[in-house]
Amino acid sequence: MRLEEEIKQESFRNEYHKLAVNLIFTHSWLISKIESILTEFDITPQQFNILRILRGQYPSPASITLLKERMLDKMSDVSRLVDRLIQKSLVERKACVRDRRKVDVLITKKGLKLLAKIDQMDEEMDSYLMNISKGEAKRINELLDKLRG
């Protein structure tokens, strides 16, 4: 459906303004779809992001700083997210061997098993984007990379 119909707005200042609104609207739409899947697993998209980063690091741990750098949502409070994941036994925190002032975060076996279950939902997650072809997806990715310069 066209953006104008979705948000009940017929005109924009220019195409750049429309693009900004469209990106924000589409981001919210996609996050909502992802949240509906992750709700079944009792985690948020931000927690999911941390678990995926830690799985990529596994079996090596990650620092809080590394997690902050790699988070998709730069406004997330990583320390608080890690605390919630610790409460769920999905990650563990240990004193850093090299620098006792720092902490290392490591995904647990339970966290890895949860991600394996969520991985089974990949087709459903991909299905939200299937209105465009692989070629179109590649081109949009190129344009978004170019936009961020």
Protein backbone atom coordinates (compact mmCIF):
# COMPACT_ATOMS: atom_id res chain seq x y z
CA MET A 1 0.00 0.00 0.00
CA ARG A 2 1.22 3.49 -0.79
CA LEU A 3 2.63 5.55 2.08
CA GLU A 4 0.07 8.31 1.44
CA GLU A 5 -2.75 5.83 2.04
CA GLU A 6 -1.09 4.24 5.07
CA ILE A 7 -0.59 7.49 6.97
CA LYS A 8 -3.46 9.47 5.41
CA GLN A 9 -1.21 12.23 4.07
CA GLU A 10 -1.51 13.29 0.47
CA SER A 11 1.55 15.48 0.03
CA PHE A 12 5.09 15.93 1.27
CA ARG A 13 7.50 18.88 1.03
CA ASN A 14 9.52 16.92 -1.55
CA GLU A 15 10.67 13.40 -2.37
CA TYR A 16 13.41 13.55 0.30
CA HIS A 17 10.83 14.36 2.97
CA LYS A 18 8.64 11.50 1.72
CA LEU A 19 11.65 9.16 1.77
CA ALA A 20 12.45 10.07 5.40
CA VAL A 21 8.85 9.46 6.48
CA ASN A 22 8.70 6.25 4.43
CA LEU A 23 11.90 4.90 6.00
CA ILE A 24 10.64 5.65 9.53
CA PHE A 25 7.21 4.17 8.82
CA THR A 26 8.67 1.05 7.19
CA HIS A 27 11.12 0.58 10.07
CA SER A 28 8.24 0.63 12.57
CA TRP A 29 6.22 -1.76 10.41
CA LEU A 30 9.09 -4.25 10.15
CA ILE A 31 9.97 -4.04 13.87
CA SER A 32 6.32 -4.74 14.68
CA LYS A 33 6.40 -7.89 12.52
CA ILE A 34 9.66 -9.07 14.13
CA GLU A 35 8.32 -8.34 17.63
CA SER A 36 5.28 -10.52 16.92
CA ILE A 37 7.61 -13.45 16.24
CA LEU A 38 9.98 -12.78 19.15
CA THR A 39 7.11 -12.40 21.65
CA GLU A 40 6.65 -16.17 21.40
CA PHE A 41 10.22 -16.55 22.69
CA ASP A 42 9.88 -13.87 25.42
CA ILE A 43 12.64 -11.60 24.10
CA THR A 44 12.74 -8.16 22.53
CA PRO A 45 14.37 -7.27 19.21
CA GLN A 46 17.21 -5.59 21.13
CA GLN A 47 17.80 -8.70 23.25
CA PHE A 48 17.69 -10.79 20.07
CA ASN A 49 20.31 -8.49 18.54
CA ILE A 50 22.64 -9.00 21.52
CA LEU A 51 22.19 -12.77 21.40
CA ARG A 52 23.02 -12.81 17.69
CA ILE A 53 26.15 -10.72 18.25
CA LEU A 54 27.25 -13.06 21.04
CA ARG A 55 26.58 -16.12 18.89
CA GLY A 56 28.82 -14.59 16.22
CA GLN A 57 31.56 -14.16 18.82
CA TYR A 58 31.10 -17.63 20.35
CA PRO A 59 33.05 -19.25 21.92
CA SER A 60 34.83 -15.97 22.59
CA PRO A 61 33.15 -13.48 24.91
CA ALA A 62 32.26 -9.90 24.03
CA SER A 63 32.73 -6.73 26.01
CA ILE A 64 29.88 -4.33 26.69
CA THR A 65 31.71 -1.85 24.44
CA LEU A 66 31.76 -4.32 21.54
CA LEU A 67 28.05 -5.00 21.99
CA LYS A 68 27.29 -1.25 21.96
CA GLU A 69 29.31 -0.81 18.76
CA ARG A 70 27.50 -3.61 16.95
CA MET A 71 23.95 -2.99 18.15
CA LEU A 72 21.49 -2.03 15.43
CA ASP A 73 19.61 0.21 17.87
CA LYS A 74 22.31 2.61 19.04
CA MET A 75 19.99 4.06 21.70
CA SER A 76 19.76 0.75 23.58
CA ASP A 77 21.02 0.50 27.16
CA VAL A 78 23.26 -2.52 26.59
CA SER A 79 24.10 -3.06 30.27
CA ARG A 80 20.43 -3.27 31.20
CA LEU A 81 19.69 -5.58 28.25
CA VAL A 82 22.53 -7.88 29.34
CA ASP A 83 21.16 -7.88 32.90
CA ARG A 84 17.76 -9.03 31.60
CA LEU A 85 19.39 -11.75 29.50
CA ILE A 86 21.35 -12.91 32.57
CA GLN A 87 18.06 -13.17 34.51
CA LYS A 88 16.77 -15.43 31.73
CA SER A 89 20.02 -17.50 31.86
CA LEU A 90 20.65 -16.72 28.19
CA VAL A 91 24.02 -15.01 28.80
CA GLU A 92 26.57 -14.85 31.59
CA ARG A 93 28.88 -12.09 32.71
CA LYS A 94 32.42 -12.73 33.94
CA ALA A 95 35.33 -10.55 34.95
CA CYS A 96 37.65 -9.94 31.99
CA VAL A 97 40.87 -11.94 32.37
CA ARG A 98 42.98 -9.22 30.71
CA ASP A 99 41.44 -6.24 32.53
CA ARG A 100 39.62 -6.81 35.81
CA ARG A 101 37.79 -3.45 35.47
CA LYS A 102 35.95 -4.79 32.43
CA VAL A 103 33.42 -7.58 32.08
CA ASP A 104 33.03 -10.21 29.40
CA VAL A 105 29.62 -11.38 28.24
CA LEU A 106 29.18 -14.89 26.87
CA ILE A 107 26.12 -16.56 25.42
CA THR A 108 25.05 -19.69 27.33
CA LYS A 109 24.01 -23.05 25.89
CA LYS A 110 20.42 -22.05 26.69
CA GLY A 111 20.92 -18.85 24.67
CA LEU A 112 22.32 -20.83 21.74
CA LYS A 113 19.37 -23.23 21.88
CA LEU A 114 16.92 -20.32 21.91
CA LEU A 115 18.56 -18.81 18.82
CA ALA A 116 18.37 -22.20 17.08
CA LYS A 117 14.60 -22.21 17.71
CA ILE A 118 14.25 -18.64 16.46
CA ASP A 119 16.31 -19.55 13.36
CA GLN A 120 13.43 -21.85 12.40
CA MET A 121 11.35 -18.68 11.96
CA ASP A 122 13.71 -17.24 9.31
CA GLU A 123 11.34 -18.03 6.46
CA GLU A 124 8.50 -16.21 8.20
CA MET A 125 10.76 -13.20 8.85
CA ASP A 126 11.88 -13.23 5.21
CA SER A 127 8.27 -13.50 4.05
CA TYR A 128 7.60 -9.92 5.17
CA LEU A 129 9.99 -8.75 2.46
CA MET A 130 8.89 -11.06 -0.34
CA ASN A 131 6.84 -8.37 -2.10
CA ILE A 132 10.11 -7.38 -3.74
CA SER A 133 12.48 -9.52 -5.81
CA LYS A 134 16.00 -10.50 -4.77
CA GLY A 135 17.31 -8.05 -7.35
CA GLU A 136 15.17 -5.26 -5.94
CA ALA A 137 16.33 -6.14 -2.41
CA LYS A 138 19.94 -5.95 -3.58
CA ARG A 139 19.34 -2.56 -5.19
CA ILE A 140 17.59 -1.19 -2.09
CA ASN A 141 20.52 -2.39 0.03
CA GLU A 142 22.92 -0.60 -2.31
CA LEU A 143 20.87 2.59 -2.16
CA LEU A 144 20.61 2.52 1.63
CA ASP A 145 24.37 2.01 1.90
CA LYS A 146 24.84 4.96 -0.46
CA LEU A 147 22.38 7.07 1.57
CA ARG A 148 24.41 6.57 4.73
CA GLY A 149 27.47 7.58 2.72
